[in-house]
Amino acid sequence: MISQKWAKLLRSLQQKKYRKIEQLFVVEGEKAVLELLQSDWQVKALFATDSFLEQHAQYTQKAALVQQASPAELAQVGSFQTNDAAVAAVEIPADTGFLESEGDWVLVLDQINDPGNLGAMIRIADWYGIRHILCSSDTVDLYNPKVIAAAKGSFLRVQLHYGDLSGWLGQTRLPVFGAYLQGENIHQLALQQQGGYLVMGNEANGISAGLAPLISRKVTIPAFGQTESLNVAMATAVLVDNLKRLSAVRS
């Protein structure tokens, strides 16, 4: 059973200000919690059904506190409408800082507002082996429950760094590609070297004007139909796939 104290705390972590105060966030669902328990992230408390605790007993000892809970209780303290597995309260790790590594691709997110988009972009980065994402300070919080849910465990393997994008991009000697409606056709792009930065802009307004001078090459996805634009997460997948493919060809 989840105590009133823990229930109140877990519900409060739906809001960014309380996540910042407590330095905790919530992970929900069987797959994501199980991945979490097999990682080196610090789990302060685990609330789970009897079946989850029995099936994954070899991993649950990682949590500092482990308590049985019913599916109804789990749904009440989390953001999922139904949850027959687990909810975990997890310590927010310290940002170890970003160090550029030549040959690596880095995703750069400028004012991404939708939690679902950010979660999907984290999964895309994970799929393509991108280990670092640079986010503007006004990009949605990584630890928003909707971001964590959409990321499906990939947040454990991709590091997000929040800060001044112009500061990072202004110091690099690597190419900085920016996604625009008008730019070089990504299908016909010629790469001069491996690695670089890919900047994706706000869902409605694109890349902010302040970052434009730092973009080395504007790239676009050619359209073969009539729709105005692609969802930013979908566009990210297409662009990253092409950049990784072109990098492989060059090597």
C-alpha atoms as a PDB file:
ATOM      1  CA  MET A   1       0.000   0.000   0.000  1.00  0.00           C
ATOM      2  CA  ILE A   2       1.248   3.485  -0.850  1.00  0.00           C
ATOM      3  CA  SER A   3       1.305   5.802   2.165  1.00  0.00           C
ATOM      4  CA  GLN A   4      -0.377   9.197   2.026  1.00  0.00           C
ATOM      5  CA  LYS A   5       3.021  10.860   2.283  1.00  0.00           C
ATOM      6  CA  TRP A   6       4.393   9.022  -0.743  1.00  0.00           C
ATOM      7  CA  ALA A   7       1.155   9.368  -2.709  1.00  0.00           C
ATOM      8  CA  LYS A   8       1.234  13.130  -2.226  1.00  0.00           C
ATOM      9  CA  LEU A   9       4.902  13.312  -3.205  1.00  0.00           C
ATOM     10  CA  LEU A  10       4.465  11.193  -6.327  1.00  0.00           C
ATOM     11  CA  ARG A  11       1.534  13.285  -7.512  1.00  0.00           C
ATOM     12  CA  SER A  12       3.471  16.504  -6.879  1.00  0.00           C
ATOM     13  CA  LEU A  13       6.268  15.277  -9.171  1.00  0.00           C
ATOM     14  CA  GLN A  14       3.947  15.771 -12.126  1.00  0.00           C
ATOM     15  CA  GLN A  15       4.927  19.451 -11.816  1.00  0.00           C
ATOM     16  CA  LYS A  16       8.359  20.788 -12.718  1.00  0.00           C
ATOM     17  CA  LYS A  17       8.720  23.017  -9.650  1.00  0.00           C
ATOM     18  CA  TYR A  18       8.357  20.061  -7.295  1.00  0.00           C
ATOM     19  CA  ARG A  19      10.703  17.913  -9.349  1.00  0.00           C
ATOM     20  CA  LYS A  20      13.265  20.674  -8.977  1.00  0.00           C
ATOM     21  CA  ILE A  21      12.696  20.983  -5.226  1.00  0.00           C
ATOM     22  CA  GLU A  22      12.766  17.244  -4.522  1.00  0.00           C
ATOM     23  CA  GLN A  23      15.315  16.381  -7.244  1.00  0.00           C
ATOM     24  CA  LEU A  24      13.113  13.417  -8.120  1.00  0.00           C
ATOM     25  CA  PHE A  25      11.034  12.320 -11.088  1.00  0.00           C
ATOM     26  CA  VAL A  26       8.634   9.482 -11.855  1.00  0.00           C
ATOM     27  CA  VAL A  27       8.988   6.501 -14.180  1.00  0.00           C
ATOM     28  CA  GLU A  28       5.895   4.393 -14.910  1.00  0.00           C
ATOM     29  CA  GLY A  29       5.062   1.120 -16.621  1.00  0.00           C
ATOM     30  CA  GLU A  30       6.651  -2.323 -16.709  1.00  0.00           C
ATOM     31  CA  LYS A  31       9.150  -1.907 -19.552  1.00  0.00           C
ATOM     32  CA  ALA A  32      10.490   1.511 -18.548  1.00  0.00           C
ATOM     33  CA  VAL A  33      10.751   0.643 -14.841  1.00  0.00           C
ATOM     34  CA  LEU A  34      12.461  -2.656 -15.610  1.00  0.00           C
ATOM     35  CA  GLU A  35      15.031  -0.911 -17.827  1.00  0.00           C
ATOM     36  CA  LEU A  36      15.516   1.623 -15.049  1.00  0.00           C
ATOM     37  CA  LEU A  37      16.170  -1.091 -12.455  1.00  0.00           C
ATOM     38  CA  GLN A  38      18.826  -2.595 -14.720  1.00  0.00           C
ATOM     39  CA  SER A  39      20.615   0.748 -15.116  1.00  0.00           C
ATOM     40  CA  ASP A  40      22.908   2.655 -12.754  1.00  0.00           C
ATOM     41  CA  TRP A  41      20.309   5.361 -12.037  1.00  0.00           C
ATOM     42  CA  GLN A  42      19.379   5.742  -8.372  1.00  0.00           C
ATOM     43  CA  VAL A  43      15.863   4.569  -7.521  1.00  0.00           C
ATOM     44  CA  LYS A  44      14.629   6.079  -4.274  1.00  0.00           C
ATOM     45  CA  ALA A  45      11.338   4.170  -4.139  1.00  0.00           C
ATOM     46  CA  LEU A  46       9.579   1.436  -6.087  1.00  0.00           C
ATOM     47  CA  PHE A  47       5.854   0.769  -5.848  1.00  0.00           C
ATOM     48  CA  ALA A  48       4.735  -2.297  -7.773  1.00  0.00           C
ATOM     49  CA  THR A  49       2.134  -5.014  -8.025  1.00  0.00           C
ATOM     50  CA  ASP A  50       2.760  -8.458  -6.546  1.00  0.00           C
ATOM     51  CA  SER A  51       3.200  -9.940 -10.013  1.00  0.00           C
ATOM     52  CA  PHE A  52       5.848  -7.362 -10.983  1.00  0.00           C
ATOM     53  CA  LEU A  53       7.751  -7.864  -7.718  1.00  0.00           C
ATOM     54  CA  GLU A  54       7.692 -11.647  -8.071  1.00  0.00           C
ATOM     55  CA  GLN A  55       8.625 -11.714 -11.739  1.00  0.00           C
ATOM     56  CA  HIS A  56      11.507  -9.236 -11.402  1.00  0.00           C
ATOM     57  CA  ALA A  57      12.714  -9.966  -7.874  1.00  0.00           C
ATOM     58  CA  GLN A  58      16.372 -10.041  -8.988  1.00  0.00           C
ATOM     59  CA  TYR A  59      16.191  -6.347  -9.915  1.00  0.00           C
ATOM     60  CA  THR A  60      13.854  -4.811  -7.331  1.00  0.00           C
ATOM     61  CA  GLN A  61      16.520  -4.866  -4.597  1.00  0.00           C
ATOM     62  CA  LYS A  62      18.163  -1.932  -6.390  1.00  0.00           C
ATOM     63  CA  ALA A  63      15.487   0.420  -5.025  1.00  0.00           C
ATOM     64  CA  ALA A  64      16.053   1.958  -1.602  1.00  0.00           C
ATOM     65  CA  LEU A  65      12.375   1.416  -0.732  1.00  0.00           C
ATOM     66  CA  VAL A  66      10.167  -1.315  -2.201  1.00  0.00           C
ATOM     67  CA  GLN A  67       6.451  -1.536  -1.485  1.00  0.00           C
ATOM     68  CA  GLN A  68       3.562  -3.530  -2.910  1.00  0.00           C
ATOM     69  CA  ALA A  69       0.728  -1.528  -4.483  1.00  0.00           C
ATOM     70  CA  SER A  70      -2.452  -2.271  -6.396  1.00  0.00           C
ATOM     71  CA  PRO A  71      -3.012  -1.224 -10.025  1.00  0.00           C
ATOM     72  CA  ALA A  72      -5.607   1.283  -8.807  1.00  0.00           C
ATOM     73  CA  GLU A  73      -3.085   2.908  -6.444  1.00  0.00           C
ATOM     74  CA  LEU A  74      -0.444   3.083  -9.183  1.00  0.00           C
ATOM     75  CA  ALA A  75      -2.884   4.796 -11.536  1.00  0.00           C
ATOM     76  CA  GLN A  76      -3.847   7.307  -8.836  1.00  0.00           C
ATOM     77  CA  VAL A  77      -0.274   8.476  -8.188  1.00  0.00           C
ATOM     78  CA  GLY A  78       0.948   8.485 -11.806  1.00  0.00           C
ATOM     79  CA  SER A  79      -0.037   9.894 -15.166  1.00  0.00           C
ATOM     80  CA  PHE A  80      -1.067   6.600 -16.793  1.00  0.00           C
ATOM     81  CA  GLN A  81      -4.785   5.857 -16.914  1.00  0.00           C
ATOM     82  CA  THR A  82      -4.012   2.207 -16.145  1.00  0.00           C
ATOM     83  CA  ASN A  83      -0.861   0.700 -14.674  1.00  0.00           C
ATOM     84  CA  ASP A  84      -0.701  -2.942 -13.601  1.00  0.00           C
ATOM     85  CA  ALA A  85       3.081  -2.987 -13.114  1.00  0.00           C
ATOM     86  CA  ALA A  86       5.084  -0.310 -11.312  1.00  0.00           C
ATOM     87  CA  VAL A  87       5.876   3.309 -10.470  1.00  0.00           C
ATOM     88  CA  ALA A  88       9.340   4.449  -9.408  1.00  0.00           C
ATOM     89  CA  ALA A  89      10.612   7.646  -7.828  1.00  0.00           C
ATOM     90  CA  VAL A  90      14.058   8.311  -9.275  1.00  0.00           C
ATOM     91  CA  GLU A  91      16.833  10.715  -8.331  1.00  0.00           C
ATOM     92  CA  ILE A  92      17.610  13.339 -10.974  1.00  0.00           C
ATOM     93  CA  PRO A  93      21.300  12.878 -11.828  1.00  0.00           C
ATOM     94  CA  ALA A  94      23.715  15.785 -11.970  1.00  0.00           C
ATOM     95  CA  ASP A  95      24.524  17.049 -15.454  1.00  0.00           C
ATOM     96  CA  THR A  96      28.098  15.930 -16.081  1.00  0.00           C
ATOM     97  CA  GLY A  97      28.462  18.543 -18.809  1.00  0.00           C
ATOM     98  CA  PHE A  98      28.865  18.240 -22.553  1.00  0.00           C
ATOM     99  CA  LEU A  99      32.205  17.597 -24.217  1.00  0.00           C
ATOM    100  CA  GLU A 100      32.405  17.640 -27.985  1.00  0.00           C
ATOM    101  CA  SER A 101      33.890  14.556 -29.598  1.00  0.00           C
ATOM    102  CA  GLU A 102      35.010  14.721 -33.216  1.00  0.00           C
ATOM    103  CA  GLY A 103      33.182  12.268 -35.430  1.00  0.00           C
ATOM    104  CA  ASP A 104      30.052  12.188 -33.269  1.00  0.00           C
ATOM    105  CA  TRP A 105      26.646  13.497 -34.268  1.00  0.00           C
ATOM    106  CA  VAL A 106      24.860  15.726 -31.746  1.00  0.00           C
ATOM    107  CA  LEU A 107      21.184  16.639 -31.866  1.00  0.00           C
ATOM    108  CA  VAL A 108      20.344  20.260 -30.990  1.00  0.00           C
ATOM    109  CA  LEU A 109      16.785  21.198 -30.001  1.00  0.00           C
ATOM    110  CA  ASP A 110      15.670  24.817 -30.152  1.00  0.00           C
ATOM    111  CA  GLN A 111      12.465  25.554 -28.202  1.00  0.00           C
ATOM    112  CA  ILE A 112      10.816  22.141 -28.579  1.00  0.00           C
ATOM    113  CA  ASN A 113       7.558  22.483 -26.635  1.00  0.00           C
ATOM    114  CA  ASP A 114       5.685  19.217 -27.050  1.00  0.00           C
ATOM    115  CA  PRO A 115       6.590  16.452 -24.547  1.00  0.00           C
ATOM    116  CA  GLY A 116       5.653  13.737 -27.013  1.00  0.00           C
ATOM    117  CA  ASN A 117       7.973  15.192 -29.629  1.00  0.00           C
ATOM    118  CA  LEU A 118      10.880  15.394 -27.205  1.00  0.00           C
ATOM    119  CA  GLY A 119      10.328  11.828 -26.046  1.00  0.00           C
ATOM    120  CA  ALA A 120      10.229  10.590 -29.628  1.00  0.00           C
ATOM    121  CA  MET A 121      13.397  12.518 -30.492  1.00  0.00           C
ATOM    122  CA  ILE A 122      15.207  10.922 -27.561  1.00  0.00           C
ATOM    123  CA  ARG A 123      14.200   7.491 -28.903  1.00  0.00           C
ATOM    124  CA  ILE A 124      15.404   8.488 -32.376  1.00  0.00           C
ATOM    125  CA  ALA A 125      18.753   9.586 -30.964  1.00  0.00           C
ATOM    126  CA  ASP A 126      19.060   6.303 -29.074  1.00  0.00           C
ATOM    127  CA  TRP A 127      18.230   4.253 -32.186  1.00  0.00           C
ATOM    128  CA  TYR A 128      20.919   5.992 -34.234  1.00  0.00           C
ATOM    129  CA  GLY A 129      23.578   5.933 -31.525  1.00  0.00           C
ATOM    130  CA  ILE A 130      23.474   9.664 -30.743  1.00  0.00           C
ATOM    131  CA  ARG A 131      24.482  10.023 -27.108  1.00  0.00           C
ATOM    132  CA  HIS A 132      24.074  13.760 -26.513  1.00  0.00           C
ATOM    133  CA  ILE A 133      21.215  16.193 -27.121  1.00  0.00           C
ATOM    134  CA  LEU A 134      21.697  19.923 -26.513  1.00  0.00           C
ATOM    135  CA  CYS A 135      18.476  21.711 -25.550  1.00  0.00           C
ATOM    136  CA  SER A 136      17.631  25.381 -25.295  1.00  0.00           C
ATOM    137  CA  SER A 137      16.600  26.414 -21.788  1.00  0.00           C
ATOM    138  CA  ASP A 138      12.986  26.797 -22.931  1.00  0.00           C
ATOM    139  CA  THR A 139      12.740  23.282 -24.387  1.00  0.00           C
ATOM    140  CA  VAL A 140      10.310  21.084 -22.448  1.00  0.00           C
ATOM    141  CA  ASP A 141      11.749  19.447 -19.326  1.00  0.00           C
ATOM    142  CA  LEU A 142      13.231  15.980 -19.844  1.00  0.00           C
ATOM    143  CA  TYR A 143      11.643  14.764 -16.598  1.00  0.00           C
ATOM    144  CA  ASN A 144       8.119  15.744 -17.590  1.00  0.00           C
ATOM    145  CA  PRO A 145       6.139  12.469 -17.194  1.00  0.00           C
ATOM    146  CA  LYS A 146       4.913  12.661 -20.795  1.00  0.00           C
ATOM    147  CA  VAL A 147       8.498  12.959 -22.056  1.00  0.00           C
ATOM    148  CA  ILE A 148       9.643   9.990 -19.970  1.00  0.00           C
ATOM    149  CA  ALA A 149       6.673   7.924 -21.156  1.00  0.00           C
ATOM    150  CA  ALA A 150       7.314   8.765 -24.822  1.00  0.00           C
ATOM    151  CA  ALA A 151      11.056   8.105 -24.528  1.00  0.00           C
ATOM    152  CA  LYS A 152      10.363   4.462 -23.545  1.00  0.00           C
ATOM    153  CA  GLY A 153      13.587   3.998 -21.560  1.00  0.00           C
ATOM    154  CA  SER A 154      15.845   5.717 -24.091  1.00  0.00           C
ATOM    155  CA  PHE A 155      16.331   8.596 -21.634  1.00  0.00           C
ATOM    156  CA  LEU A 156      18.613   6.214 -19.722  1.00  0.00           C
ATOM    157  CA  ARG A 157      21.116   6.114 -22.589  1.00  0.00           C
ATOM    158  CA  VAL A 158      20.919   9.600 -24.129  1.00  0.00           C
ATOM    159  CA  GLN A 159      22.217  12.578 -22.151  1.00  0.00           C
ATOM    160  CA  LEU A 160      20.317  15.860 -22.413  1.00  0.00           C
ATOM    161  CA  HIS A 161      22.020  19.147 -21.620  1.00  0.00           C
ATOM    162  CA  TYR A 162      20.071  22.409 -21.193  1.00  0.00           C
ATOM    163  CA  GLY A 163      21.636  25.797 -21.732  1.00  0.00           C
ATOM    164  CA  ASP A 164      22.649  28.498 -24.195  1.00  0.00           C
ATOM    165  CA  LEU A 165      22.756  26.896 -27.635  1.00  0.00           C
ATOM    166  CA  SER A 166      24.624  29.815 -29.164  1.00  0.00           C
ATOM    167  CA  GLY A 167      27.404  29.290 -26.639  1.00  0.00           C
ATOM    168  CA  TRP A 168      27.883  25.661 -27.633  1.00  0.00           C
ATOM    169  CA  LEU A 169      27.469  26.161 -31.370  1.00  0.00           C
ATOM    170  CA  GLY A 170      29.601  29.296 -31.423  1.00  0.00           C
ATOM    171  CA  GLN A 171      32.627  27.364 -30.178  1.00  0.00           C
ATOM    172  CA  THR A 172      32.567  24.330 -32.459  1.00  0.00           C
ATOM    173  CA  ARG A 173      34.615  23.762 -35.574  1.00  0.00           C
ATOM    174  CA  LEU A 174      32.342  20.939 -36.668  1.00  0.00           C
ATOM    175  CA  PRO A 175      29.617  21.585 -39.251  1.00  0.00           C
ATOM    176  CA  VAL A 176      26.251  22.753 -37.929  1.00  0.00           C
ATOM    177  CA  PHE A 177      23.307  21.590 -40.027  1.00  0.00           C
ATOM    178  CA  GLY A 178      19.949  23.283 -39.585  1.00  0.00           C
ATOM    179  CA  ALA A 179      16.541  21.960 -40.625  1.00  0.00           C
ATOM    180  CA  TYR A 180      14.729  24.474 -42.842  1.00  0.00           C
ATOM    181  CA  LEU A 181      11.913  24.335 -45.372  1.00  0.00           C
ATOM    182  CA  GLN A 182      14.361  25.827 -47.878  1.00  0.00           C
ATOM    183  CA  GLY A 183      17.848  24.370 -47.962  1.00  0.00           C
ATOM    184  CA  GLU A 184      20.096  21.758 -49.525  1.00  0.00           C
ATOM    185  CA  ASN A 185      18.318  18.553 -50.468  1.00  0.00           C
ATOM    186  CA  ILE A 186      19.317  16.040 -47.772  1.00  0.00           C
ATOM    187  CA  HIS A 187      19.213  13.262 -50.407  1.00  0.00           C
ATOM    188  CA  GLN A 188      21.889  15.011 -52.464  1.00  0.00           C
ATOM    189  CA  LEU A 189      24.074  16.254 -49.626  1.00  0.00           C
ATOM    190  CA  ALA A 190      27.838  15.750 -49.812  1.00  0.00           C
ATOM    191  CA  LEU A 191      29.611  15.511 -46.454  1.00  0.00           C
ATOM    192  CA  GLN A 192      33.117  16.851 -46.056  1.00  0.00           C
ATOM    193  CA  GLN A 193      33.718  15.095 -42.725  1.00  0.00           C
ATOM    194  CA  GLN A 194      32.056  12.778 -40.262  1.00  0.00           C
ATOM    195  CA  GLY A 195      30.059  14.115 -37.344  1.00  0.00           C
ATOM    196  CA  GLY A 196      28.546  17.467 -36.543  1.00  0.00           C
ATOM    197  CA  TYR A 197      25.420  19.071 -35.141  1.00  0.00           C
ATOM    198  CA  LEU A 198      21.840  18.886 -36.370  1.00  0.00           C
ATOM    199  CA  VAL A 199      19.620  21.743 -35.182  1.00  0.00           C
ATOM    200  CA  MET A 200      15.854  21.197 -35.072  1.00  0.00           C
ATOM    201  CA  GLY A 201      13.624  24.200 -34.451  1.00  0.00           C
ATOM    202  CA  ASN A 202      10.367  24.961 -32.692  1.00  0.00           C
ATOM    203  CA  GLU A 203       7.275  23.111 -33.920  1.00  0.00           C
ATOM    204  CA  ALA A 204       5.572  26.297 -35.126  1.00  0.00           C
ATOM    205  CA  ASN A 205       8.378  28.778 -35.780  1.00  0.00           C
ATOM    206  CA  GLY A 206      11.417  26.742 -36.732  1.00  0.00           C
ATOM    207  CA  ILE A 207      14.964  27.640 -35.756  1.00  0.00           C
ATOM    208  CA  SER A 208      15.161  30.958 -33.909  1.00  0.00           C
ATOM    209  CA  ALA A 209      16.685  33.918 -35.742  1.00  0.00           C
ATOM    210  CA  GLY A 210      19.462  34.228 -33.167  1.00  0.00           C
ATOM    211  CA  LEU A 211      20.865  30.830 -34.107  1.00  0.00           C
ATOM    212  CA  ALA A 212      20.710  31.361 -37.872  1.00  0.00           C
ATOM    213  CA  PRO A 213      24.235  32.891 -38.163  1.00  0.00           C
ATOM    214  CA  LEU A 214      25.662  29.763 -36.508  1.00  0.00           C
ATOM    215  CA  ILE A 215      24.159  27.354 -39.034  1.00  0.00           C
ATOM    216  CA  SER A 216      26.827  26.127 -41.476  1.00  0.00           C
ATOM    217  CA  ARG A 217      24.438  24.413 -43.865  1.00  0.00           C
ATOM    218  CA  LYS A 218      20.691  24.613 -44.223  1.00  0.00           C
ATOM    219  CA  VAL A 219      19.160  21.255 -45.136  1.00  0.00           C
ATOM    220  CA  THR A 220      15.660  20.205 -46.130  1.00  0.00           C
ATOM    221  CA  ILE A 221      13.695  17.041 -46.813  1.00  0.00           C
ATOM    222  CA  PRO A 222      12.320  17.079 -50.383  1.00  0.00           C
ATOM    223  CA  ALA A 223       8.550  16.827 -50.594  1.00  0.00           C
ATOM    224  CA  PHE A 224       6.819  14.610 -53.126  1.00  0.00           C
ATOM    225  CA  GLY A 225       3.263  15.479 -52.070  1.00  0.00           C
ATOM    226  CA  GLN A 226       1.219  18.499 -51.053  1.00  0.00           C
ATOM    227  CA  THR A 227       1.448  18.699 -47.239  1.00  0.00           C
ATOM    228  CA  GLU A 228       3.037  21.854 -45.826  1.00  0.00           C
ATOM    229  CA  SER A 229       5.457  20.280 -43.382  1.00  0.00           C
ATOM    230  CA  LEU A 230       6.426  17.255 -41.310  1.00  0.00           C
ATOM    231  CA  ASN A 231       6.120  16.754 -37.567  1.00  0.00           C
ATOM    232  CA  VAL A 232       9.441  17.791 -36.010  1.00  0.00           C
ATOM    233  CA  ALA A 233      10.141  14.339 -34.564  1.00  0.00           C
ATOM    234  CA  MET A 234       9.409  12.678 -37.914  1.00  0.00           C
ATOM    235  CA  ALA A 235      11.638  15.186 -39.693  1.00  0.00           C
ATOM    236  CA  THR A 236      14.396  14.497 -37.169  1.00  0.00           C
ATOM    237  CA  ALA A 237      14.275  10.778 -37.959  1.00  0.00           C
ATOM    238  CA  VAL A 238      14.513  11.392 -41.711  1.00  0.00           C
ATOM    239  CA  LEU A 239      17.403  13.846 -41.411  1.00  0.00           C
ATOM    240  CA  VAL A 240      19.375  11.784 -38.908  1.00  0.00           C
ATOM    241  CA  ASP A 241      18.915   8.642 -41.006  1.00  0.00           C
ATOM    242  CA  ASN A 242      20.317  10.405 -44.066  1.00  0.00           C
ATOM    243  CA  LEU A 243      23.235  11.975 -42.183  1.00  0.00           C
ATOM    244  CA  LYS A 244      24.183   8.637 -40.642  1.00  0.00           C
ATOM    245  CA  ARG A 245      23.886   6.923 -44.018  1.00  0.00           C
ATOM    246  CA  LEU A 246      26.032   9.539 -45.718  1.00  0.00           C
ATOM    247  CA  SER A 247      28.603   9.260 -42.922  1.00  0.00           C
ATOM    248  CA  ALA A 248      28.762   5.496 -43.396  1.00  0.00           C
ATOM    249  CA  VAL A 249      29.248   5.877 -47.154  1.00  0.00           C
ATOM    250  CA  ARG A 250      32.039   8.394 -46.621  1.00  0.00           C
ATOM    251  CA  SER A 251      33.893   6.136 -44.188  1.00  0.00           C
END
